[in-house]
Amino acid sequence: MFGQLLSPLLGHRLGRQFGWLWGAYGASALGTWLAFGAFPLIAIQVLHAGPAEVAALSSVGAAVGAAVAVPLGPWVEFRRKRPVLIATDLVRFAALLTIPAAFALGVLTFLQLLLVSVVVAAADITFRAASGAYLKTLLPAEDLLVANARFESTAWTTTIIGPPLGGMAIGLLGPVATVVADALSYLLSALGIRATGGREPRPDRRQAPRMRAGDLLDGWRYILADATLRPLFFNTALFNGLVMAAEPLLAVLMLGRLGFAPWQYGLAFAAPSIGGLLGARLARPLVTRFGQHQVLVVAGTLRAIWPVGLAFLGPGTGGLLLVMGVELGLIFCCAVFNPVYATYRLERTATDRVARTLSAWAVTTKASTAFLTAVWGVLGVLLGPRTAIGLAGVLLLATPLLLPRRAAGLRLLRLRLWLRPRVRDALGTGFGRGGGGR
């Protein structure tokens, strides 16, 4: 049965240009996961930073990077996307290389780490906005789900193999070595995107001869005015923020109070990523069988029920298996949901609004994640890690209420189809028999 489900996705050809884009994505994703946790480790081991500085490196860097990226969405909209993708890859390559260079010269500082994290975060958001717009021009609409499913599958593959390899590299060469690998991955990504070739049409710039202050909010205005994008926007921002907010508290609980070894903590999150591979590959067959909206709602609902189970985490093998089971279910449902949601969002966004919309989406997601992580850090102190994790899980149960409802036009069409034979029958009998029906 699985072979029948997987064969439509695996056998679908998307062309040479997409192949280079996919390879570029895989290279940069692998580099990111090889360097997973490198910045905090450098801050702790090399610069002897304290907990407050490490927390600031994660939250402040992402928040400021999101703020820096706000004007870049409208700017990207009216430019060819492939040069923007290459430029943002090269910016990340250059920014990351300053860290090993400063380390070798003995002048590395915490401020430099923070500035690099801001530059990388802003470039990440800009790259996502430009890549979504570029993908929409590169492929026909019917191929978008296959492409997004392949990206999702690649993301989970690199999640499985990246951190263990990065951990080995850190053990042998130190955390700065993985930053070099991450920098080189962006260079490879830039070369891969350049190799896609082809002629990208120049966007129509008559609508925006000069960017005004009000243009910065165009992405948010477009999302909030759309009845299908608006609920999905709030759903993903809240869901991602709550899931990520609980992760540091889970680390404190597992590695501190419950006494799990670091390798057990890593295994608890690496092994379930296999569910991501399966979920990503099942996304398109499930949409073909049940429809896009049905899969979006069901997968979006099911992914919300798992995290609350982490509040019941205990020590020993049973606790480890509980975390792995929760993460497996969560990751599988997310891997089905994510490519369907990404395709749904692209299909419902006008071509001349994609970059601004995706930029606003990414900025909001990063900002809400940073904010909720800070709030849950305070709640973890006041209520304890377990209670705060449980609270996040309970709130996640409400997020399916924000998923898009079926379009009113589709409901009306189905109502008409349902009524048509009944009206015909009624007209045929003169609406007789007991005063007009049941």
Protein backbone atom coordinates (compact mmCIF):
# COMPACT_ATOMS: atom_id res chain seq x y z
CA MET A 1 0.00 0.00 0.00
CA PHE A 2 2.81 2.45 0.88
CA GLY A 3 4.40 1.80 -2.50
CA GLN A 4 1.20 2.92 -4.23
CA LEU A 5 1.08 6.06 -2.09
CA LEU A 6 4.70 7.02 -2.63
CA SER A 7 5.06 6.27 -6.34
CA PRO A 8 3.20 9.38 -7.62
CA LEU A 9 5.55 11.68 -5.71
CA LEU A 10 8.80 9.87 -6.39
CA GLY A 11 8.16 9.50 -10.11
CA HIS A 12 7.13 13.10 -10.77
CA ARG A 13 9.74 15.04 -12.78
CA LEU A 14 10.02 18.78 -12.22
CA GLY A 15 12.84 19.64 -14.62
CA ARG A 16 16.50 20.63 -14.49
CA GLN A 17 15.96 24.11 -13.05
CA PHE A 18 14.05 22.78 -10.07
CA GLY A 19 16.68 20.08 -9.63
CA TRP A 20 19.38 22.71 -9.13
CA LEU A 21 17.13 24.71 -6.79
CA TRP A 22 16.37 21.57 -4.77
CA GLY A 23 20.06 20.71 -4.56
CA ALA A 24 20.86 24.24 -3.40
CA TYR A 25 18.21 23.96 -0.69
CA GLY A 26 19.61 20.61 0.46
CA ALA A 27 23.14 22.01 0.71
CA SER A 28 22.13 25.00 2.83
CA ALA A 29 19.78 22.92 5.01
CA LEU A 30 22.54 20.40 5.75
CA GLY A 31 24.93 23.21 6.65
CA THR A 32 22.37 24.72 9.00
CA TRP A 33 21.89 21.46 10.87
CA LEU A 34 25.62 20.71 10.96
CA ALA A 35 26.03 24.02 12.82
CA PHE A 36 22.95 23.48 15.01
CA GLY A 37 23.69 24.96 18.44
CA ALA A 38 27.10 26.27 17.35
CA PHE A 39 26.47 29.90 18.34
CA PRO A 40 25.44 29.11 21.95
CA LEU A 41 28.37 26.71 22.27
CA ILE A 42 30.81 29.33 21.01
CA ALA A 43 29.31 31.86 23.42
CA ILE A 44 29.65 29.44 26.35
CA GLN A 45 32.92 27.65 25.58
CA VAL A 46 34.92 30.40 23.86
CA LEU A 47 33.48 33.65 25.27
CA HIS A 48 32.36 32.25 28.66
CA ALA A 49 28.92 33.87 28.30
CA GLY A 50 26.26 33.45 30.96
CA PRO A 51 22.63 32.24 30.60
CA ALA A 52 21.26 35.74 29.97
CA GLU A 53 23.69 36.34 27.10
CA VAL A 54 22.97 32.94 25.56
CA ALA A 55 19.22 33.60 25.73
CA ALA A 56 19.74 37.03 24.15
CA LEU A 57 21.72 35.46 21.33
CA SER A 58 18.72 33.31 20.39
CA SER A 59 15.81 35.68 21.03
CA VAL A 60 17.22 39.16 20.42
CA GLY A 61 19.13 38.10 17.31
CA ALA A 62 15.98 36.63 15.74
CA ALA A 63 13.76 39.56 16.77
CA VAL A 64 16.13 42.27 15.50
CA GLY A 65 16.77 40.29 12.33
CA ALA A 66 13.01 40.13 11.74
CA ALA A 67 12.76 43.92 12.21
CA VAL A 68 15.62 44.49 9.77
CA ALA A 69 13.88 42.29 7.19
CA VAL A 70 10.60 44.28 7.26
CA PRO A 71 11.53 46.73 4.44
CA LEU A 72 13.17 44.00 2.37
CA GLY A 73 9.89 42.27 1.43
CA PRO A 74 8.52 45.18 -0.64
CA TRP A 75 12.00 45.78 -2.05
CA VAL A 76 12.30 42.15 -3.23
CA GLU A 77 8.82 42.17 -4.80
CA PHE A 78 9.85 44.34 -7.75
CA ARG A 79 13.16 42.67 -8.50
CA ARG A 80 14.14 39.45 -10.19
CA LYS A 81 14.19 36.79 -7.50
CA ARG A 82 17.13 34.63 -8.58
CA PRO A 83 19.74 37.41 -8.09
CA VAL A 84 18.19 38.15 -4.68
CA LEU A 85 18.51 34.48 -3.70
CA ILE A 86 22.15 34.40 -4.75
CA ALA A 87 22.88 37.69 -2.96
CA THR A 88 21.33 36.57 0.33
CA ASP A 89 23.28 33.31 0.20
CA LEU A 90 26.50 35.25 -0.34
CA VAL A 91 25.65 37.65 2.49
CA ARG A 92 25.18 34.72 4.88
CA PHE A 93 28.40 33.12 3.60
CA ALA A 94 30.40 36.29 4.22
CA ALA A 95 28.80 37.06 7.59
CA LEU A 96 29.43 33.57 8.97
CA LEU A 97 33.03 33.53 7.76
CA THR A 98 33.81 36.53 9.95
CA ILE A 99 33.43 34.29 13.02
CA PRO A 100 36.23 31.79 12.30
CA ALA A 101 38.36 34.68 11.00
CA ALA A 102 37.91 36.64 14.24
CA PHE A 103 38.44 33.48 16.29
CA ALA A 104 41.71 32.74 14.51
CA LEU A 105 42.89 36.29 15.19
CA GLY A 106 41.80 36.15 18.83
CA VAL A 107 39.38 39.09 18.51
CA LEU A 108 36.01 37.32 18.56
CA THR A 109 33.43 39.05 20.80
CA PHE A 110 29.87 38.42 21.92
CA LEU A 111 28.73 41.55 20.08
CA GLN A 112 30.04 40.10 16.83
CA LEU A 113 28.11 36.87 17.41
CA LEU A 114 24.97 38.91 18.03
CA LEU A 115 25.45 41.04 14.91
CA VAL A 116 26.06 37.99 12.74
CA SER A 117 22.93 36.32 14.10
CA VAL A 118 20.93 39.46 13.16
CA VAL A 119 22.35 39.53 9.62
CA VAL A 120 21.71 35.82 9.11
CA ALA A 121 18.14 36.07 10.47
CA ALA A 122 17.32 39.00 8.16
CA ALA A 123 18.86 37.21 5.17
CA ASP A 124 16.92 34.04 6.04
CA ILE A 125 13.60 35.90 5.92
CA THR A 126 14.50 37.65 2.67
CA PHE A 127 15.60 34.37 1.11
CA ARG A 128 12.33 32.66 2.07
CA ALA A 129 10.26 35.47 0.58
CA ALA A 130 12.23 35.48 -2.68
CA SER A 131 12.35 31.67 -2.96
CA GLY A 132 8.58 31.29 -2.67
CA ALA A 133 8.03 33.90 -5.37
CA TYR A 134 10.72 32.30 -7.56
CA LEU A 135 9.23 28.83 -7.15
CA LYS A 136 5.82 30.10 -8.24
CA THR A 137 7.30 31.46 -11.48
CA LEU A 138 9.43 28.36 -12.04
CA LEU A 139 6.72 25.69 -11.85
CA PRO A 140 3.07 25.36 -12.89
CA ALA A 141 0.51 25.39 -10.08
CA GLU A 142 -0.11 21.63 -10.29
CA ASP A 143 3.56 20.91 -9.44
CA LEU A 144 3.86 23.18 -6.38
CA LEU A 145 2.75 20.53 -3.89
CA VAL A 146 5.28 18.01 -5.22
CA ALA A 147 8.05 20.62 -4.97
CA ASN A 148 7.10 21.66 -1.43
CA ALA A 149 6.89 18.02 -0.36
CA ARG A 150 10.43 17.44 -1.66
CA PHE A 151 11.70 20.45 0.25
CA GLU A 152 9.99 19.15 3.39
CA SER A 153 11.45 15.67 2.92
CA THR A 154 14.92 17.16 2.45
CA ALA A 155 14.51 19.27 5.57
CA TRP A 156 13.78 16.21 7.71
CA THR A 157 16.57 14.19 6.09
CA THR A 158 19.11 16.86 7.00
CA THR A 159 17.58 17.07 10.48
CA ILE A 160 18.35 13.38 10.98
CA ILE A 161 21.94 13.37 9.72
CA GLY A 162 23.08 16.95 10.38
CA PRO A 163 23.18 17.24 14.21
CA PRO A 164 25.01 13.91 14.79
CA LEU A 165 27.65 14.79 12.18
CA GLY A 166 27.87 18.32 13.58
CA GLY A 167 28.25 16.92 17.09
CA MET A 168 31.16 14.74 15.95
CA ALA A 169 32.79 17.72 14.23
CA ILE A 170 32.38 19.87 17.34
CA GLY A 171 33.91 17.11 19.47
CA LEU A 172 36.92 16.79 17.17
CA LEU A 173 37.44 20.34 15.91
CA GLY A 174 35.35 22.64 18.10
CA PRO A 175 32.13 24.59 17.36
CA VAL A 176 33.82 27.12 15.07
CA ALA A 177 34.45 24.34 12.52
CA THR A 178 30.73 23.79 12.02
CA VAL A 179 30.26 27.51 11.38
CA VAL A 180 32.76 27.18 8.52
CA ALA A 181 30.73 24.25 7.15
CA ASP A 182 27.53 26.29 7.42
CA ALA A 183 29.16 29.22 5.58
CA LEU A 184 30.38 26.96 2.78
CA SER A 185 26.88 25.46 2.43
CA TYR A 186 25.54 28.91 1.56
CA LEU A 187 28.25 29.31 -1.06
CA LEU A 188 27.23 25.97 -2.58
CA SER A 189 23.60 27.08 -2.46
CA ALA A 190 24.45 30.29 -4.33
CA LEU A 191 26.31 28.29 -7.01
CA GLY A 192 23.39 25.88 -7.33
CA ILE A 193 20.84 28.68 -7.75
CA ARG A 194 23.08 30.33 -10.32
CA ALA A 195 23.21 27.03 -12.23
CA THR A 196 19.40 26.98 -12.59
CA GLY A 197 19.82 29.36 -15.53
CA GLY A 198 16.86 30.36 -17.64
CA ARG A 199 15.38 33.80 -18.16
CA GLU A 200 13.35 35.12 -15.27
CA PRO A 201 10.76 37.75 -16.29
CA ARG A 202 11.32 41.21 -14.83
CA PRO A 203 8.52 42.16 -12.39
CA ASP A 204 6.26 45.03 -13.36
CA ARG A 205 7.57 48.06 -11.46
CA ARG A 206 4.94 50.53 -12.63
CA GLN A 207 2.97 49.87 -9.45
CA ALA A 208 5.85 50.97 -7.21
CA PRO A 209 8.17 53.55 -8.77
CA ARG A 210 9.35 54.47 -5.29
CA MET A 211 8.90 52.61 -2.01
CA ARG A 212 6.92 54.59 0.56
CA ALA A 213 6.64 54.06 4.31
CA GLY A 214 3.14 52.63 3.89
CA ASP A 215 4.46 49.97 1.52
CA LEU A 216 6.21 48.27 4.43
CA LEU A 217 2.84 47.01 5.68
CA ASP A 218 1.56 45.78 2.31
CA GLY A 219 2.24 42.14 3.16
CA TRP A 220 0.26 42.27 6.39
CA ARG A 221 -2.58 44.21 4.75
CA TYR A 222 -2.85 41.61 2.01
CA ILE A 223 -2.91 38.71 4.49
CA LEU A 224 -5.43 40.27 6.85
CA ALA A 225 -7.77 41.21 3.99
CA ASP A 226 -7.90 37.64 2.68
CA ALA A 227 -10.47 35.40 4.35
CA THR A 228 -8.49 32.22 3.61
CA LEU A 229 -4.96 33.45 4.40
CA ARG A 230 -5.87 35.34 7.59
CA PRO A 231 -6.79 32.34 9.79
CA LEU A 232 -3.87 30.29 8.47
CA PHE A 233 -1.53 33.19 9.28
CA PHE A 234 -2.63 33.35 12.92
CA ASN A 235 -2.68 29.56 13.22
CA THR A 236 0.91 29.07 12.06
CA ALA A 237 2.29 32.01 14.06
CA LEU A 238 0.66 30.79 17.28
CA PHE A 239 1.40 27.10 16.72
CA ASN A 240 5.07 27.59 15.84
CA GLY A 241 5.57 30.06 18.67
CA LEU A 242 4.07 27.80 21.34
CA VAL A 243 5.94 24.70 20.16
CA MET A 244 9.28 26.51 20.09
CA ALA A 245 8.61 28.30 23.39
CA ALA A 246 8.36 24.96 25.19
CA GLU A 247 11.60 23.53 23.75
CA PRO A 248 14.06 25.27 26.15
CA LEU A 249 11.93 24.26 29.14
CA LEU A 250 11.88 20.67 27.91
CA ALA A 251 15.67 20.74 27.70
CA VAL A 252 15.85 22.06 31.28
CA LEU A 253 13.45 19.37 32.48
CA MET A 254 15.13 16.47 30.68
CA LEU A 255 18.79 17.41 31.20
CA GLY A 256 18.30 18.83 34.68
CA ARG A 257 15.60 17.47 36.95
CA LEU A 258 15.03 14.15 35.18
CA GLY A 259 18.72 13.38 34.64
CA PHE A 260 18.73 12.36 30.98
CA ALA A 261 22.15 12.21 29.32
CA PRO A 262 22.84 14.59 26.40
CA TRP A 263 22.92 11.68 23.95
CA GLN A 264 19.45 10.61 25.13
CA TYR A 265 18.16 14.14 24.66
CA GLY A 266 19.56 14.23 21.12
CA LEU A 267 18.15 10.78 20.32
CA ALA A 268 14.70 11.80 21.54
CA PHE A 269 14.48 14.41 18.78
CA ALA A 270 16.64 12.91 16.01
CA ALA A 271 15.03 9.46 15.75
CA PRO A 272 11.41 10.72 15.40
CA SER A 273 12.47 12.84 12.44
CA ILE A 274 11.99 9.70 10.36
CA GLY A 275 8.29 10.52 10.68
CA GLY A 276 9.01 13.71 8.80
CA LEU A 277 10.25 11.76 5.78
CA LEU A 278 7.14 9.61 5.71
CA GLY A 279 4.75 12.51 6.27
CA ALA A 280 6.31 14.65 3.54
CA ARG A 281 6.08 11.85 1.01
CA LEU A 282 2.47 11.09 1.89
CA ALA A 283 1.31 14.70 1.52
CA ARG A 284 0.58 14.65 -2.21
CA PRO A 285 -1.08 11.20 -2.33
CA LEU A 286 -3.28 12.20 0.60
CA VAL A 287 -4.29 15.45 -1.14
CA THR A 288 -5.05 13.50 -4.31
CA ARG A 289 -7.25 11.10 -2.33
CA PHE A 290 -8.98 13.42 0.13
CA GLY A 291 -8.53 16.97 -1.17
CA GLN A 292 -6.28 19.85 -0.16
CA HIS A 293 -8.59 21.48 2.38
CA GLN A 294 -9.43 18.21 4.13
CA VAL A 295 -5.77 17.26 4.55
CA LEU A 296 -4.89 20.78 5.71
CA VAL A 297 -7.54 20.75 8.44
CA VAL A 298 -7.04 17.16 9.60
CA ALA A 299 -3.23 17.33 9.70
CA GLY A 300 -3.37 20.78 11.28
CA THR A 301 -5.70 19.47 13.98
CA LEU A 302 -3.79 16.27 14.67
CA ARG A 303 -0.46 18.05 15.06
CA ALA A 304 -1.93 20.12 17.91
CA ILE A 305 -2.88 17.17 20.13
CA TRP A 306 0.62 15.75 20.71
CA PRO A 307 2.63 18.35 22.70
CA VAL A 308 0.40 18.28 25.80
CA GLY A 309 1.69 14.75 26.42
CA LEU A 310 5.11 16.17 27.32
CA ALA A 311 3.64 17.46 30.60
CA PHE A 312 3.54 13.81 31.80
CA LEU A 313 7.24 13.20 31.12
CA GLY A 314 9.01 11.07 33.72
CA PRO A 315 12.53 9.70 34.18
CA GLY A 316 14.09 6.57 32.70
CA THR A 317 13.30 4.57 29.60
CA GLY A 318 9.57 5.20 29.87
CA GLY A 319 10.09 8.95 29.79
CA LEU A 320 12.45 8.71 26.84
CA LEU A 321 9.94 6.60 24.91
CA LEU A 322 7.18 9.10 25.76
CA VAL A 323 9.18 12.00 24.31
CA MET A 324 10.03 9.99 21.20
CA GLY A 325 6.40 8.97 20.71
CA VAL A 326 5.12 12.53 21.11
CA GLU A 327 7.79 13.90 18.77
CA LEU A 328 7.14 11.17 16.19
CA GLY A 329 3.42 11.97 16.06
CA LEU A 330 4.04 15.72 16.05
CA ILE A 331 6.70 15.58 13.33
CA PHE A 332 4.67 13.23 11.11
CA CYS A 333 1.60 15.48 11.24
CA CYS A 334 3.71 18.61 10.69
CA ALA A 335 5.43 17.01 7.70
CA VAL A 336 2.06 16.29 6.09
CA PHE A 337 0.74 19.75 6.97
CA ASN A 338 3.71 21.90 5.96
CA PRO A 339 3.92 21.26 2.19
CA VAL A 340 0.13 21.40 1.88
CA TYR A 341 0.05 24.68 3.80
CA ALA A 342 2.95 26.14 1.77
CA THR A 343 1.20 25.22 -1.48
CA TYR A 344 -2.18 26.49 -0.24
CA ARG A 345 -0.57 29.82 0.67
CA LEU A 346 1.22 30.19 -2.69
CA GLU A 347 -1.89 29.33 -4.69
CA ARG A 348 -3.97 31.95 -2.86
CA THR A 349 -1.41 34.73 -3.11
CA ALA A 350 -1.30 36.89 -6.22
CA THR A 351 1.98 36.55 -8.12
CA ASP A 352 2.82 40.24 -7.65
CA ARG A 353 2.28 39.94 -3.87
CA VAL A 354 4.18 36.75 -3.02
CA ALA A 355 7.45 38.28 -1.77
CA ARG A 356 5.73 40.84 0.44
CA THR A 357 3.31 38.28 1.81
CA LEU A 358 5.94 35.66 2.59
CA SER A 359 8.22 38.27 4.13
CA ALA A 360 5.45 39.52 6.42
CA TRP A 361 4.60 35.92 7.30
CA ALA A 362 8.19 35.03 8.20
CA VAL A 363 8.74 38.25 10.17
CA THR A 364 5.61 37.60 12.23
CA THR A 365 6.54 33.98 12.85
CA LYS A 366 10.03 34.86 14.05
CA ALA A 367 8.80 37.75 16.20
CA SER A 368 6.00 35.72 17.80
CA THR A 369 8.38 32.84 18.48
CA ALA A 370 10.88 35.18 20.15
CA PHE A 371 8.13 36.81 22.23
CA LEU A 372 6.50 33.56 23.34
CA THR A 373 9.89 32.01 24.14
CA ALA A 374 10.63 34.93 26.45
CA VAL A 375 7.17 34.70 28.08
CA TRP A 376 7.49 30.95 28.63
CA GLY A 377 10.93 31.45 30.11
CA VAL A 378 9.30 33.63 32.78
CA LEU A 379 6.46 31.12 33.23
CA GLY A 380 9.02 28.34 33.62
CA VAL A 381 10.56 30.23 36.53
CA LEU A 382 7.21 31.08 38.16
CA LEU A 383 5.32 27.82 37.58
CA GLY A 384 8.08 25.30 36.94
CA PRO A 385 9.10 23.76 33.59
CA ARG A 386 6.55 20.95 33.64
CA THR A 387 3.56 23.20 34.32
CA ALA A 388 4.67 25.72 31.69
CA ILE A 389 5.11 22.93 29.12
CA GLY A 390 1.64 21.64 29.96
CA LEU A 391 0.15 25.12 29.58
CA ALA A 392 1.68 25.47 26.13
CA GLY A 393 0.23 22.08 25.20
CA VAL A 394 -3.25 23.04 26.38
CA LEU A 395 -3.16 26.31 24.41
CA LEU A 396 -2.03 24.40 21.33
CA LEU A 397 -5.24 22.38 21.48
CA ALA A 398 -7.12 25.57 20.56
CA THR A 399 -5.05 26.37 17.46
CA PRO A 400 -7.16 24.22 15.06
CA LEU A 401 -9.96 26.75 15.59
CA LEU A 402 -7.84 29.16 13.52
CA LEU A 403 -7.50 26.85 10.51
CA PRO A 404 -9.22 28.08 7.30
CA ARG A 405 -12.80 27.03 6.88
CA ARG A 406 -14.02 25.71 3.57
CA ALA A 407 -14.72 28.50 1.12
CA ALA A 408 -18.27 29.78 1.11
CA GLY A 409 -18.42 29.49 -2.67
CA LEU A 410 -17.63 25.78 -2.49
CA ARG A 411 -20.30 25.27 0.17
CA LEU A 412 -22.81 27.10 -2.04
CA LEU A 413 -21.87 24.97 -5.04
CA ARG A 414 -22.35 21.78 -3.06
CA LEU A 415 -25.69 23.06 -1.76
CA ARG A 416 -26.82 23.73 -5.32
CA LEU A 417 -25.73 20.28 -6.46
CA TRP A 418 -27.58 18.76 -3.52
CA LEU A 419 -30.75 20.80 -4.16
CA ARG A 420 -30.92 20.41 -7.93
CA PRO A 421 -32.31 16.84 -8.11
CA ARG A 422 -34.62 17.51 -5.18
CA VAL A 423 -36.05 20.64 -6.78
CA ARG A 424 -36.48 18.75 -10.04
CA ASP A 425 -38.33 15.96 -8.25
CA ALA A 426 -40.48 18.45 -6.40
CA LEU A 427 -41.39 20.28 -9.61
CA GLY A 428 -42.24 16.97 -11.22
CA THR A 429 -44.79 16.25 -8.52
CA GLY A 430 -46.14 19.81 -8.26
CA PHE A 431 -44.87 20.11 -4.68
CA GLY A 432 -47.86 17.99 -3.74
CA ARG A 433 -48.09 15.21 -1.21
CA GLY A 434 -48.82 16.69 2.09
CA GLY A 435 -48.14 20.38 1.53
CA GLY A 436 -44.63 20.42 0.12
CA GLY A 437 -42.32 17.69 1.20
CA ARG A 438 -41.11 16.25 4.45
